[in-house]
Amino acid sequence: MVTVNEGQCGLCTHFGEHNKGPQLVEILSTHQAAETLVTDCGHPKLEGLHLRVTPVSGCDGFEKAA
């Protein structure tokens, strides 16, 4: 497990935006994620790139998940 910090993809509203599930809710509540987790980035400015990111990735488009 890795610790996900503020500003990293795992805590962003766009992380796994099209594949939301219990695993993403767990990351938001515990700030912990599996080291092997990779999912899509749904940020509107990046969506066309079809980026695959880890919970500890990051970019300037971070928007805190509710």
PDB file of N, CA and C in Angstrom:
ATOM      1  N   MET A   1       0.837  -1.176   0.000  1.00  0.00           N
ATOM      2  CA  MET A   1       0.000   0.000   0.000  1.00  0.00           C
ATOM      3  C   MET A   1       0.884   1.243   0.000  1.00  0.00           C
ATOM      4  N   VAL A   2       0.373   2.288  -0.662  1.00  0.00           N
ATOM      5  CA  VAL A   2       1.060   3.579  -0.681  1.00  0.00           C
ATOM      6  C   VAL A   2       0.139   4.632  -0.079  1.00  0.00           C
ATOM      7  N   THR A   3       0.733   5.652   0.493  1.00  0.00           N
ATOM      8  CA  THR A   3      -0.034   6.757   1.057  1.00  0.00           C
ATOM      9  C   THR A   3      -0.293   7.791  -0.033  1.00  0.00           C
ATOM     10  N   VAL A   4      -1.548   8.205  -0.146  1.00  0.00           N
ATOM     11  CA  VAL A   4      -1.945   9.202  -1.141  1.00  0.00           C
ATOM     12  C   VAL A   4      -2.104  10.540  -0.433  1.00  0.00           C
ATOM     13  N   ASN A   5      -1.373  11.541  -0.908  1.00  0.00           N
ATOM     14  CA  ASN A   5      -1.372  12.858  -0.282  1.00  0.00           C
ATOM     15  C   ASN A   5      -2.220  13.851  -1.061  1.00  0.00           C
ATOM     16  N   GLU A   6      -2.593  14.924  -0.400  1.00  0.00           N
ATOM     17  CA  GLU A   6      -3.355  16.000  -1.028  1.00  0.00           C
ATOM     18  C   GLU A   6      -2.629  16.459  -2.288  1.00  0.00           C
ATOM     19  N   GLY A   7      -3.360  16.619  -3.377  1.00  0.00           N
ATOM     20  CA  GLY A   7      -2.777  17.053  -4.643  1.00  0.00           C
ATOM     21  C   GLY A   7      -2.423  15.907  -5.572  1.00  0.00           C
ATOM     22  N   GLN A   8      -2.522  14.667  -5.085  1.00  0.00           N
ATOM     23  CA  GLN A   8      -2.219  13.517  -5.929  1.00  0.00           C
ATOM     24  C   GLN A   8      -3.511  12.958  -6.519  1.00  0.00           C
ATOM     25  N   CYS A   9      -3.376  12.257  -7.618  1.00  0.00           N
ATOM     26  CA  CYS A   9      -4.530  11.789  -8.390  1.00  0.00           C
ATOM     27  C   CYS A   9      -5.550  10.988  -7.589  1.00  0.00           C
ATOM     28  N   GLY A  10      -5.113  10.188  -6.660  1.00  0.00           N
ATOM     29  CA  GLY A  10      -6.039   9.354  -5.900  1.00  0.00           C
ATOM     30  C   GLY A  10      -7.078  10.139  -5.124  1.00  0.00           C
ATOM     31  N   LEU A  11      -6.810  11.410  -4.854  1.00  0.00           N
ATOM     32  CA  LEU A  11      -7.751  12.256  -4.118  1.00  0.00           C
ATOM     33  C   LEU A  11      -8.434  13.278  -5.032  1.00  0.00           C
ATOM     34  N   CYS A  12      -8.249  13.137  -6.336  1.00  0.00           N
ATOM     35  CA  CYS A  12      -8.833  14.053  -7.321  1.00  0.00           C
ATOM     36  C   CYS A  12     -10.188  13.534  -7.794  1.00  0.00           C
ATOM     37  N   THR A  13     -11.088  14.447  -8.045  1.00  0.00           N
ATOM     38  CA  THR A  13     -12.420  14.079  -8.511  1.00  0.00           C
ATOM     39  C   THR A  13     -12.387  13.390  -9.873  1.00  0.00           C
ATOM     40  N   HIS A  14     -11.333  13.583 -10.649  1.00  0.00           N
ATOM     41  CA  HIS A  14     -11.239  12.995 -11.983  1.00  0.00           C
ATOM     42  C   HIS A  14     -10.591  11.619 -12.002  1.00  0.00           C
ATOM     43  N   PHE A  15     -10.031  11.178 -10.880  1.00  0.00           N
ATOM     44  CA  PHE A  15      -9.364   9.879 -10.801  1.00  0.00           C
ATOM     45  C   PHE A  15     -10.401   8.762 -10.934  1.00  0.00           C
ATOM     46  N   GLY A  16     -10.271   7.953 -11.973  1.00  0.00           N
ATOM     47  CA  GLY A  16     -11.207   6.856 -12.192  1.00  0.00           C
ATOM     48  C   GLY A  16     -12.632   7.324 -12.428  1.00  0.00           C
ATOM     49  N   GLU A  17     -12.782   8.522 -12.944  1.00  0.00           N
ATOM     50  CA  GLU A  17     -14.091   9.158 -13.082  1.00  0.00           C
ATOM     51  C   GLU A  17     -15.110   8.300 -13.826  1.00  0.00           C
ATOM     52  N   HIS A  18     -14.664   7.495 -14.774  1.00  0.00           N
ATOM     53  CA  HIS A  18     -15.582   6.687 -15.562  1.00  0.00           C
ATOM     54  C   HIS A  18     -15.695   5.249 -15.049  1.00  0.00           C
ATOM     55  N   ASN A  19     -14.968   4.925 -14.003  1.00  0.00           N
ATOM     56  CA  ASN A  19     -14.971   3.571 -13.430  1.00  0.00           C
ATOM     57  C   ASN A  19     -15.085   3.617 -11.917  1.00  0.00           C
ATOM     58  N   LYS A  20     -15.905   4.511 -11.399  1.00  0.00           N
ATOM     59  CA  LYS A  20     -16.002   4.663  -9.940  1.00  0.00           C
ATOM     60  C   LYS A  20     -16.484   3.373  -9.293  1.00  0.00           C
ATOM     61  N   GLY A  21     -15.942   3.090  -8.139  1.00  0.00           N
ATOM     62  CA  GLY A  21     -16.327   1.900  -7.406  1.00  0.00           C
ATOM     63  C   GLY A  21     -15.869   2.000  -5.969  1.00  0.00           C
ATOM     64  N   PRO A  22     -16.104   0.944  -5.204  1.00  0.00           N
ATOM     65  CA  PRO A  22     -15.758   0.974  -3.783  1.00  0.00           C
ATOM     66  C   PRO A  22     -14.268   1.201  -3.514  1.00  0.00           C
ATOM     67  N   GLN A  23     -13.422   0.778  -4.425  1.00  0.00           N
ATOM     68  CA  GLN A  23     -11.983   0.949  -4.234  1.00  0.00           C
ATOM     69  C   GLN A  23     -11.620   2.438  -4.191  1.00  0.00           C
ATOM     70  N   LEU A  24     -12.279   3.253  -5.011  1.00  0.00           N
ATOM     71  CA  LEU A  24     -11.988   4.689  -5.030  1.00  0.00           C
ATOM     72  C   LEU A  24     -12.505   5.369  -3.771  1.00  0.00           C
ATOM     73  N   VAL A  25     -13.635   4.940  -3.271  1.00  0.00           N
ATOM     74  CA  VAL A  25     -14.181   5.486  -2.021  1.00  0.00           C
ATOM     75  C   VAL A  25     -13.236   5.173  -0.871  1.00  0.00           C
ATOM     76  N   GLU A  26     -12.678   3.973  -0.882  1.00  0.00           N
ATOM     77  CA  GLU A  26     -11.734   3.566   0.170  1.00  0.00           C
ATOM     78  C   GLU A  26     -10.484   4.454   0.149  1.00  0.00           C
ATOM     79  N   ILE A  27      -9.993   4.784  -1.036  1.00  0.00           N
ATOM     80  CA  ILE A  27      -8.819   5.656  -1.139  1.00  0.00           C
ATOM     81  C   ILE A  27      -9.128   7.021  -0.537  1.00  0.00           C
ATOM     82  N   LEU A  28     -10.310   7.544  -0.827  1.00  0.00           N
ATOM     83  CA  LEU A  28     -10.688   8.859  -0.297  1.00  0.00           C
ATOM     84  C   LEU A  28     -10.790   8.855   1.220  1.00  0.00           C
ATOM     85  N   SER A  29     -11.244   7.756   1.795  1.00  0.00           N
ATOM     86  CA  SER A  29     -11.427   7.719   3.245  1.00  0.00           C
ATOM     87  C   SER A  29     -10.160   7.349   4.006  1.00  0.00           C
ATOM     88  N   THR A  30      -9.304   6.506   3.421  1.00  0.00           N
ATOM     89  CA  THR A  30      -8.117   6.040   4.139  1.00  0.00           C
ATOM     90  C   THR A  30      -6.811   6.697   3.683  1.00  0.00           C
ATOM     91  N   HIS A  31      -6.826   7.305   2.502  1.00  0.00           N
ATOM     92  CA  HIS A  31      -5.622   7.878   1.885  1.00  0.00           C
ATOM     93  C   HIS A  31      -4.570   6.803   1.648  1.00  0.00           C
ATOM     94  N   GLN A  32      -5.015   5.571   1.440  1.00  0.00           N
ATOM     95  CA  GLN A  32      -4.132   4.445   1.130  1.00  0.00           C
ATOM     96  C   GLN A  32      -4.619   3.791  -0.160  1.00  0.00           C
ATOM     97  N   ALA A  33      -3.680   3.311  -0.984  1.00  0.00           N
ATOM     98  CA  ALA A  33      -4.039   2.657  -2.240  1.00  0.00           C
ATOM     99  C   ALA A  33      -3.046   1.546  -2.549  1.00  0.00           C
ATOM    100  N   ALA A  34      -3.513   0.575  -3.293  1.00  0.00           N
ATOM    101  CA  ALA A  34      -2.640  -0.510  -3.737  1.00  0.00           C
ATOM    102  C   ALA A  34      -1.572   0.052  -4.668  1.00  0.00           C
ATOM    103  N   GLU A  35      -0.363  -0.433  -4.543  1.00  0.00           N
ATOM    104  CA  GLU A  35       0.750   0.039  -5.366  1.00  0.00           C
ATOM    105  C   GLU A  35       0.532  -0.244  -6.845  1.00  0.00           C
ATOM    106  N   THR A  36      -0.271  -1.232  -7.167  1.00  0.00           N
ATOM    107  CA  THR A  36      -0.463  -1.652  -8.556  1.00  0.00           C
ATOM    108  C   THR A  36      -1.685  -1.025  -9.226  1.00  0.00           C
ATOM    109  N   LEU A  37      -2.452  -0.212  -8.502  1.00  0.00           N
ATOM    110  CA  LEU A  37      -3.668   0.376  -9.057  1.00  0.00           C
ATOM    111  C   LEU A  37      -3.351   1.404 -10.136  1.00  0.00           C
ATOM    112  N   VAL A  38      -3.978   1.238 -11.292  1.00  0.00           N
ATOM    113  CA  VAL A  38      -3.864   2.180 -12.402  1.00  0.00           C
ATOM    114  C   VAL A  38      -5.270   2.334 -12.973  1.00  0.00           C
ATOM    115  N   THR A  39      -5.698   3.583 -13.205  1.00  0.00           N
ATOM    116  CA  THR A  39      -7.026   3.822 -13.763  1.00  0.00           C
ATOM    117  C   THR A  39      -6.986   5.052 -14.660  1.00  0.00           C
ATOM    118  N   ASP A  40      -8.126   5.366 -15.242  1.00  0.00           N
ATOM    119  CA  ASP A  40      -8.188   6.483 -16.179  1.00  0.00           C
ATOM    120  C   ASP A  40      -8.267   7.827 -15.475  1.00  0.00           C
ATOM    121  N   CYS A  41      -7.840   8.866 -16.198  1.00  0.00           N
ATOM    122  CA  CYS A  41      -7.990  10.243 -15.741  1.00  0.00           C
ATOM    123  C   CYS A  41      -9.104  10.858 -16.578  1.00  0.00           C
ATOM    124  N   GLY A  42     -10.140  11.351 -15.916  1.00  0.00           N
ATOM    125  CA  GLY A  42     -11.272  11.924 -16.631  1.00  0.00           C
ATOM    126  C   GLY A  42     -11.267  13.439 -16.695  1.00  0.00           C
ATOM    127  N   HIS A  43     -10.126  14.074 -16.411  1.00  0.00           N
ATOM    128  CA  HIS A  43     -10.072  15.536 -16.448  1.00  0.00           C
ATOM    129  C   HIS A  43     -10.453  15.997 -17.860  1.00  0.00           C
ATOM    130  N   PRO A  44     -11.397  16.925 -17.976  1.00  0.00           N
ATOM    131  CA  PRO A  44     -11.870  17.359 -19.297  1.00  0.00           C
ATOM    132  C   PRO A  44     -10.767  17.818 -20.248  1.00  0.00           C
ATOM    133  N   LYS A  45      -9.732  18.476 -19.746  1.00  0.00           N
ATOM    134  CA  LYS A  45      -8.653  18.950 -20.616  1.00  0.00           C
ATOM    135  C   LYS A  45      -7.705  17.831 -21.037  1.00  0.00           C
ATOM    136  N   LEU A  46      -7.746  16.707 -20.325  1.00  0.00           N
ATOM    137  CA  LEU A  46      -6.823  15.606 -20.603  1.00  0.00           C
ATOM    138  C   LEU A  46      -7.526  14.356 -21.127  1.00  0.00           C
ATOM    139  N   GLU A  47      -8.838  14.358 -21.113  1.00  0.00           N
ATOM    140  CA  GLU A  47      -9.605  13.162 -21.441  1.00  0.00           C
ATOM    141  C   GLU A  47      -9.265  12.598 -22.818  1.00  0.00           C
ATOM    142  N   GLY A  48      -9.035  13.455 -23.781  1.00  0.00           N
ATOM    143  CA  GLY A  48      -8.707  12.999 -25.130  1.00  0.00           C
ATOM    144  C   GLY A  48      -7.381  12.264 -25.215  1.00  0.00           C
ATOM    145  N   LEU A  49      -6.550  12.417 -24.201  1.00  0.00           N
ATOM    146  CA  LEU A  49      -5.249  11.730 -24.184  1.00  0.00           C
ATOM    147  C   LEU A  49      -5.359  10.304 -23.659  1.00  0.00           C
ATOM    148  N   HIS A  50      -6.508   9.984 -23.039  1.00  0.00           N
ATOM    149  CA  HIS A  50      -6.736   8.653 -22.471  1.00  0.00           C
ATOM    150  C   HIS A  50      -5.626   8.259 -21.497  1.00  0.00           C
ATOM    151  N   LEU A  51      -5.303   9.177 -20.597  1.00  0.00           N
ATOM    152  CA  LEU A  51      -4.240   8.932 -19.623  1.00  0.00           C
ATOM    153  C   LEU A  51      -4.631   7.845 -18.631  1.00  0.00           C
ATOM    154  N   ARG A  52      -3.677   7.034 -18.274  1.00  0.00           N
ATOM    155  CA  ARG A  52      -3.816   6.032 -17.228  1.00  0.00           C
ATOM    156  C   ARG A  52      -2.870   6.470 -16.125  1.00  0.00           C
ATOM    157  N   VAL A  53      -3.390   6.639 -14.920  1.00  0.00           N
ATOM    158  CA  VAL A  53      -2.587   7.186 -13.826  1.00  0.00           C
ATOM    159  C   VAL A  53      -2.686   6.315 -12.583  1.00  0.00           C
ATOM    160  N   THR A  54      -1.730   6.498 -11.700  1.00  0.00           N
ATOM    161  CA  THR A  54      -1.738   5.819 -10.409  1.00  0.00           C
ATOM    162  C   THR A  54      -2.287   6.790  -9.367  1.00  0.00           C
ATOM    163  N   PRO A  55      -2.654   6.301  -8.195  1.00  0.00           N
ATOM    164  CA  PRO A  55      -3.151   7.196  -7.151  1.00  0.00           C
ATOM    165  C   PRO A  55      -2.132   8.244  -6.700  1.00  0.00           C
ATOM    166  N   VAL A  56      -0.846   7.968  -6.868  1.00  0.00           N
ATOM    167  CA  VAL A  56       0.178   8.916  -6.427  1.00  0.00           C
ATOM    168  C   VAL A  56       0.710   9.778  -7.569  1.00  0.00           C
ATOM    169  N   SER A  57       0.094   9.688  -8.757  1.00  0.00           N
ATOM    170  CA  SER A  57       0.440  10.594  -9.862  1.00  0.00           C
ATOM    171  C   SER A  57      -0.127  11.962  -9.525  1.00  0.00           C
ATOM    172  N   GLY A  58       0.164  12.952 -10.341  1.00  0.00           N
ATOM    173  CA  GLY A  58      -0.373  14.281 -10.102  1.00  0.00           C
ATOM    174  C   GLY A  58      -0.236  15.172 -11.319  1.00  0.00           C
ATOM    175  N   CYS A  59      -1.032  16.255 -11.336  1.00  0.00           N
ATOM    176  CA  CYS A  59      -0.938  17.258 -12.391  1.00  0.00           C
ATOM    177  C   CYS A  59      -1.486  18.583 -11.879  1.00  0.00           C
ATOM    178  N   ASP A  60      -1.385  19.607 -12.684  1.00  0.00           N
ATOM    179  CA  ASP A  60      -1.860  20.929 -12.300  1.00  0.00           C
ATOM    180  C   ASP A  60      -3.382  21.043 -12.328  1.00  0.00           C
ATOM    181  N   GLY A  61      -4.072  20.036 -12.849  1.00  0.00           N
ATOM    182  CA  GLY A  61      -5.530  20.067 -12.950  1.00  0.00           C
ATOM    183  C   GLY A  61      -6.233  19.437 -11.750  1.00  0.00           C
ATOM    184  N   PHE A  62      -5.517  19.213 -10.658  1.00  0.00           N
ATOM    185  CA  PHE A  62      -6.099  18.565  -9.487  1.00  0.00           C
ATOM    186  C   PHE A  62      -7.335  19.317  -8.975  1.00  0.00           C
ATOM    187  N   GLU A  63      -8.415  18.560  -8.754  1.00  0.00           N
ATOM    188  CA  GLU A  63      -9.630  19.096  -8.144  1.00  0.00           C
ATOM    189  C   GLU A  63     -10.029  18.116  -7.051  1.00  0.00           C
ATOM    190  N   LYS A  64     -10.021  18.585  -5.814  1.00  0.00           N
ATOM    191  CA  LYS A  64     -10.299  17.717  -4.667  1.00  0.00           C
ATOM    192  C   LYS A  64     -11.658  17.036  -4.789  1.00  0.00           C
ATOM    193  N   ALA A  65     -11.654  15.715  -4.595  1.00  0.00           N
ATOM    194  CA  ALA A  65     -12.895  14.944  -4.630  1.00  0.00           C
ATOM    195  C   ALA A  65     -13.740  15.250  -3.404  1.00  0.00           C
ATOM    196  N   ALA A  66     -15.049  15.228  -3.600  1.00  0.00           N
ATOM    197  CA  ALA A  66     -15.979  15.508  -2.493  1.00  0.00           C
ATOM    198  C   ALA A  66     -16.033  14.362  -1.521  1.00  0.00           C
TER     199      ALA A  66
END
